[in-house]
């Protein structure tokens, strides 16, 4: 089970930190991902982190502004979002594949999804 939180309304240039709490399986065995879906658009990949926190990957649109991290002791993954832009407005979802150690940024490979948290960036 995945539960995302931390969304809200922020002005352009501001920051937010999203959290995703995981439960129900051994957190350390699974990669964790963030996706987002803007109004009227398809869901897209944002960032992922491997079981080893040193393995990360980002969409080009957020590279250098967003940072994904994980706290294995707390079974939680974070997305620190800085220098936010109005085009970052979306519902943000955390997701994870069923297979352990499976490193993928593909939406189709995700088996577990959180409910999403809304981020609104005003200009």
C-alpha atoms as a PDB file:
ATOM      1  CA  UNK A   1       0.000   0.000   0.000  1.00  0.00           C
ATOM      2  CA  UNK A   2       1.270   3.452  -0.917  1.00  0.00           C
ATOM      3  CA  UNK A   3       0.063   6.754   0.478  1.00  0.00           C
ATOM      4  CA  UNK A   4       1.260  10.050  -0.938  1.00  0.00           C
ATOM      5  CA  UNK A   5       1.029  13.378   0.838  1.00  0.00           C
ATOM      6  CA  UNK A   6       2.503  16.863   0.870  1.00  0.00           C
ATOM      7  CA  UNK A   7       0.830  18.499  -2.096  1.00  0.00           C
ATOM      8  CA  UNK A   8      -0.575  21.992  -2.007  1.00  0.00           C
ATOM      9  CA  UNK A   9      -0.638  25.422  -3.571  1.00  0.00           C
ATOM     10  CA  UNK A  10       2.665  27.217  -4.073  1.00  0.00           C
ATOM     11  CA  UNK A  11       3.845  30.203  -6.074  1.00  0.00           C
ATOM     12  CA  UNK A  12       6.179  29.812  -9.001  1.00  0.00           C
ATOM     13  CA  UNK A  13       9.750  29.557  -7.785  1.00  0.00           C
ATOM     14  CA  UNK A  14       8.684  27.964  -4.524  1.00  0.00           C
ATOM     15  CA  UNK A  15       9.298  24.526  -3.089  1.00  0.00           C
ATOM     16  CA  UNK A  16       7.325  21.548  -1.847  1.00  0.00           C
ATOM     17  CA  UNK A  17       8.276  18.157  -0.497  1.00  0.00           C
ATOM     18  CA  UNK A  18       6.100  15.174  -1.255  1.00  0.00           C
ATOM     19  CA  UNK A  19       6.143  12.025   0.828  1.00  0.00           C
ATOM     20  CA  UNK A  20       4.998   8.517   0.054  1.00  0.00           C
ATOM     21  CA  UNK A  21       4.628   6.034   2.889  1.00  0.00           C
ATOM     22  CA  UNK A  22       4.773   2.370   1.951  1.00  0.00           C
ATOM     23  CA  UNK A  23       3.467  -0.622   3.837  1.00  0.00           C
ATOM     24  CA  UNK A  24       2.685  -4.267   3.320  1.00  0.00           C
ATOM     25  CA  UNK A  25       5.989  -5.537   1.993  1.00  0.00           C
ATOM     26  CA  UNK A  26       9.732  -5.203   2.538  1.00  0.00           C
ATOM     27  CA  UNK A  27      10.357  -1.652   1.400  1.00  0.00           C
ATOM     28  CA  UNK A  28      14.086  -2.051   0.859  1.00  0.00           C
ATOM     29  CA  UNK A  29      13.620  -4.601  -1.932  1.00  0.00           C
ATOM     30  CA  UNK A  30      11.705  -2.344  -4.315  1.00  0.00           C
ATOM     31  CA  UNK A  31      12.392   0.646  -6.482  1.00  0.00           C
ATOM     32  CA  UNK A  32      10.117   3.607  -5.988  1.00  0.00           C
ATOM     33  CA  UNK A  33       8.823   6.031  -8.587  1.00  0.00           C
ATOM     34  CA  UNK A  34       7.002   9.315  -8.879  1.00  0.00           C
ATOM     35  CA  UNK A  35       4.687  10.045 -11.788  1.00  0.00           C
ATOM     36  CA  UNK A  36       2.405  12.994 -12.439  1.00  0.00           C
ATOM     37  CA  UNK A  37      -0.674  13.750 -14.448  1.00  0.00           C
ATOM     38  CA  UNK A  38      -1.578  17.274 -15.457  1.00  0.00           C
ATOM     39  CA  UNK A  39      -5.161  18.169 -16.397  1.00  0.00           C
ATOM     40  CA  UNK A  40      -5.985  16.806 -19.836  1.00  0.00           C
ATOM     41  CA  UNK A  41      -2.625  15.084 -20.217  1.00  0.00           C
ATOM     42  CA  UNK A  42      -1.325  11.556 -19.902  1.00  0.00           C
ATOM     43  CA  UNK A  43       0.433  10.388 -16.798  1.00  0.00           C
ATOM     44  CA  UNK A  44       4.185  10.833 -17.096  1.00  0.00           C
ATOM     45  CA  UNK A  45       7.324   9.695 -15.349  1.00  0.00           C
ATOM     46  CA  UNK A  46       8.984  12.147 -12.966  1.00  0.00           C
ATOM     47  CA  UNK A  47      11.661  10.324 -10.974  1.00  0.00           C
ATOM     48  CA  UNK A  48      12.712   6.967  -9.644  1.00  0.00           C
ATOM     49  CA  UNK A  49      15.063   5.664  -7.022  1.00  0.00           C
ATOM     50  CA  UNK A  50      16.564   2.234  -6.798  1.00  0.00           C
ATOM     51  CA  UNK A  51      16.798   0.024  -3.764  1.00  0.00           C
ATOM     52  CA  UNK A  52      20.178   1.572  -3.235  1.00  0.00           C
ATOM     53  CA  UNK A  53      19.560   5.269  -2.765  1.00  0.00           C
ATOM     54  CA  UNK A  54      22.475   6.033  -5.068  1.00  0.00           C
ATOM     55  CA  UNK A  55      20.532   4.973  -8.164  1.00  0.00           C
ATOM     56  CA  UNK A  56      18.215   7.702  -9.355  1.00  0.00           C
ATOM     57  CA  UNK A  57      16.738   8.847 -12.635  1.00  0.00           C
ATOM     58  CA  UNK A  58      14.743  11.930 -13.612  1.00  0.00           C
ATOM     59  CA  UNK A  59      12.624  13.196 -16.426  1.00  0.00           C
ATOM     60  CA  UNK A  60      14.410  15.901 -18.374  1.00  0.00           C
ATOM     61  CA  UNK A  61      11.715  18.399 -17.430  1.00  0.00           C
ATOM     62  CA  UNK A  62      12.545  18.174 -13.708  1.00  0.00           C
ATOM     63  CA  UNK A  63      16.260  17.411 -13.768  1.00  0.00           C
ATOM     64  CA  UNK A  64      18.191  19.827 -11.573  1.00  0.00           C
ATOM     65  CA  UNK A  65      15.036  21.012  -9.776  1.00  0.00           C
ATOM     66  CA  UNK A  66      13.591  17.848  -8.207  1.00  0.00           C
ATOM     67  CA  UNK A  67      15.340  15.363  -5.944  1.00  0.00           C
ATOM     68  CA  UNK A  68      14.059  11.913  -5.066  1.00  0.00           C
ATOM     69  CA  UNK A  69      15.234  10.220  -1.887  1.00  0.00           C
ATOM     70  CA  UNK A  70      14.216   7.381   0.363  1.00  0.00           C
ATOM     71  CA  UNK A  71      14.351   6.598   4.057  1.00  0.00           C
ATOM     72  CA  UNK A  72      14.357   2.832   4.374  1.00  0.00           C
ATOM     73  CA  UNK A  73      13.979   2.989   8.137  1.00  0.00           C
ATOM     74  CA  UNK A  74      10.738   4.948   7.721  1.00  0.00           C
ATOM     75  CA  UNK A  75       9.522   3.077   4.608  1.00  0.00           C
ATOM     76  CA  UNK A  76       9.112   6.415   2.912  1.00  0.00           C
ATOM     77  CA  UNK A  77      10.150   7.967  -0.374  1.00  0.00           C
ATOM     78  CA  UNK A  78      10.346  11.716  -0.871  1.00  0.00           C
ATOM     79  CA  UNK A  79      10.261  14.116  -3.770  1.00  0.00           C
ATOM     80  CA  UNK A  80      11.813  17.482  -3.032  1.00  0.00           C
ATOM     81  CA  UNK A  81      10.598  19.957  -5.627  1.00  0.00           C
ATOM     82  CA  UNK A  82      12.379  23.283  -5.971  1.00  0.00           C
ATOM     83  CA  UNK A  83      12.059  26.148  -8.449  1.00  0.00           C
ATOM     84  CA  UNK A  84       8.531  25.070  -9.214  1.00  0.00           C
ATOM     85  CA  UNK A  85       6.895  26.226 -12.431  1.00  0.00           C
ATOM     86  CA  UNK A  86       3.224  26.489 -13.382  1.00  0.00           C
ATOM     87  CA  UNK A  87       3.761  23.567 -15.767  1.00  0.00           C
ATOM     88  CA  UNK A  88       4.574  21.382 -12.753  1.00  0.00           C
ATOM     89  CA  UNK A  89       0.911  21.609 -11.750  1.00  0.00           C
ATOM     90  CA  UNK A  90      -0.404  18.055 -11.624  1.00  0.00           C
ATOM     91  CA  UNK A  91      -1.538  15.219  -9.432  1.00  0.00           C
ATOM     92  CA  UNK A  92       1.586  13.420  -8.271  1.00  0.00           C
ATOM     93  CA  UNK A  93       1.547   9.675  -7.722  1.00  0.00           C
ATOM     94  CA  UNK A  94       4.037   7.362  -6.124  1.00  0.00           C
ATOM     95  CA  UNK A  95       4.283   3.929  -7.662  1.00  0.00           C
ATOM     96  CA  UNK A  96       6.282   0.739  -7.465  1.00  0.00           C
ATOM     97  CA  UNK A  97       6.647  -2.470  -9.431  1.00  0.00           C
ATOM     98  CA  UNK A  98       5.737  -5.881  -8.050  1.00  0.00           C
ATOM     99  CA  UNK A  99       9.128  -7.353  -8.877  1.00  0.00           C
ATOM    100  CA  UNK A 100      11.921  -6.777  -6.409  1.00  0.00           C
ATOM    101  CA  UNK A 101      15.007  -4.880  -7.603  1.00  0.00           C
ATOM    102  CA  UNK A 102      13.212  -3.999 -10.855  1.00  0.00           C
ATOM    103  CA  UNK A 103      14.438  -0.672 -12.145  1.00  0.00           C
ATOM    104  CA  UNK A 104      12.004   0.852 -14.618  1.00  0.00           C
ATOM    105  CA  UNK A 105      10.582   4.270 -15.463  1.00  0.00           C
ATOM    106  CA  UNK A 106       7.741   2.809 -17.487  1.00  0.00           C
ATOM    107  CA  UNK A 107       4.218   3.461 -16.314  1.00  0.00           C
ATOM    108  CA  UNK A 108       3.231   0.014 -17.608  1.00  0.00           C
ATOM    109  CA  UNK A 109       5.679  -1.674 -15.236  1.00  0.00           C
ATOM    110  CA  UNK A 110       4.101  -0.182 -12.119  1.00  0.00           C
ATOM    111  CA  UNK A 111       1.842  -2.504 -10.143  1.00  0.00           C
ATOM    112  CA  UNK A 112       1.174  -0.451  -7.027  1.00  0.00           C
ATOM    113  CA  UNK A 113      -0.022   3.127  -6.979  1.00  0.00           C
ATOM    114  CA  UNK A 114      -0.737   5.646  -4.296  1.00  0.00           C
ATOM    115  CA  UNK A 115      -3.872   7.797  -4.536  1.00  0.00           C
ATOM    116  CA  UNK A 116      -2.059  10.915  -5.623  1.00  0.00           C
ATOM    117  CA  UNK A 117      -1.531  14.344  -4.166  1.00  0.00           C
ATOM    118  CA  UNK A 118      -2.329  17.577  -5.984  1.00  0.00           C
ATOM    119  CA  UNK A 119       0.378  20.156  -6.593  1.00  0.00           C
ATOM    120  CA  UNK A 120      -0.738  23.526  -7.905  1.00  0.00           C
ATOM    121  CA  UNK A 121       1.833  26.123  -8.918  1.00  0.00           C
ATOM    122  CA  UNK A 122       0.524  29.624  -9.459  1.00  0.00           C
ATOM    123  CA  UNK A 123       2.241  32.118 -11.745  1.00  0.00           C
END
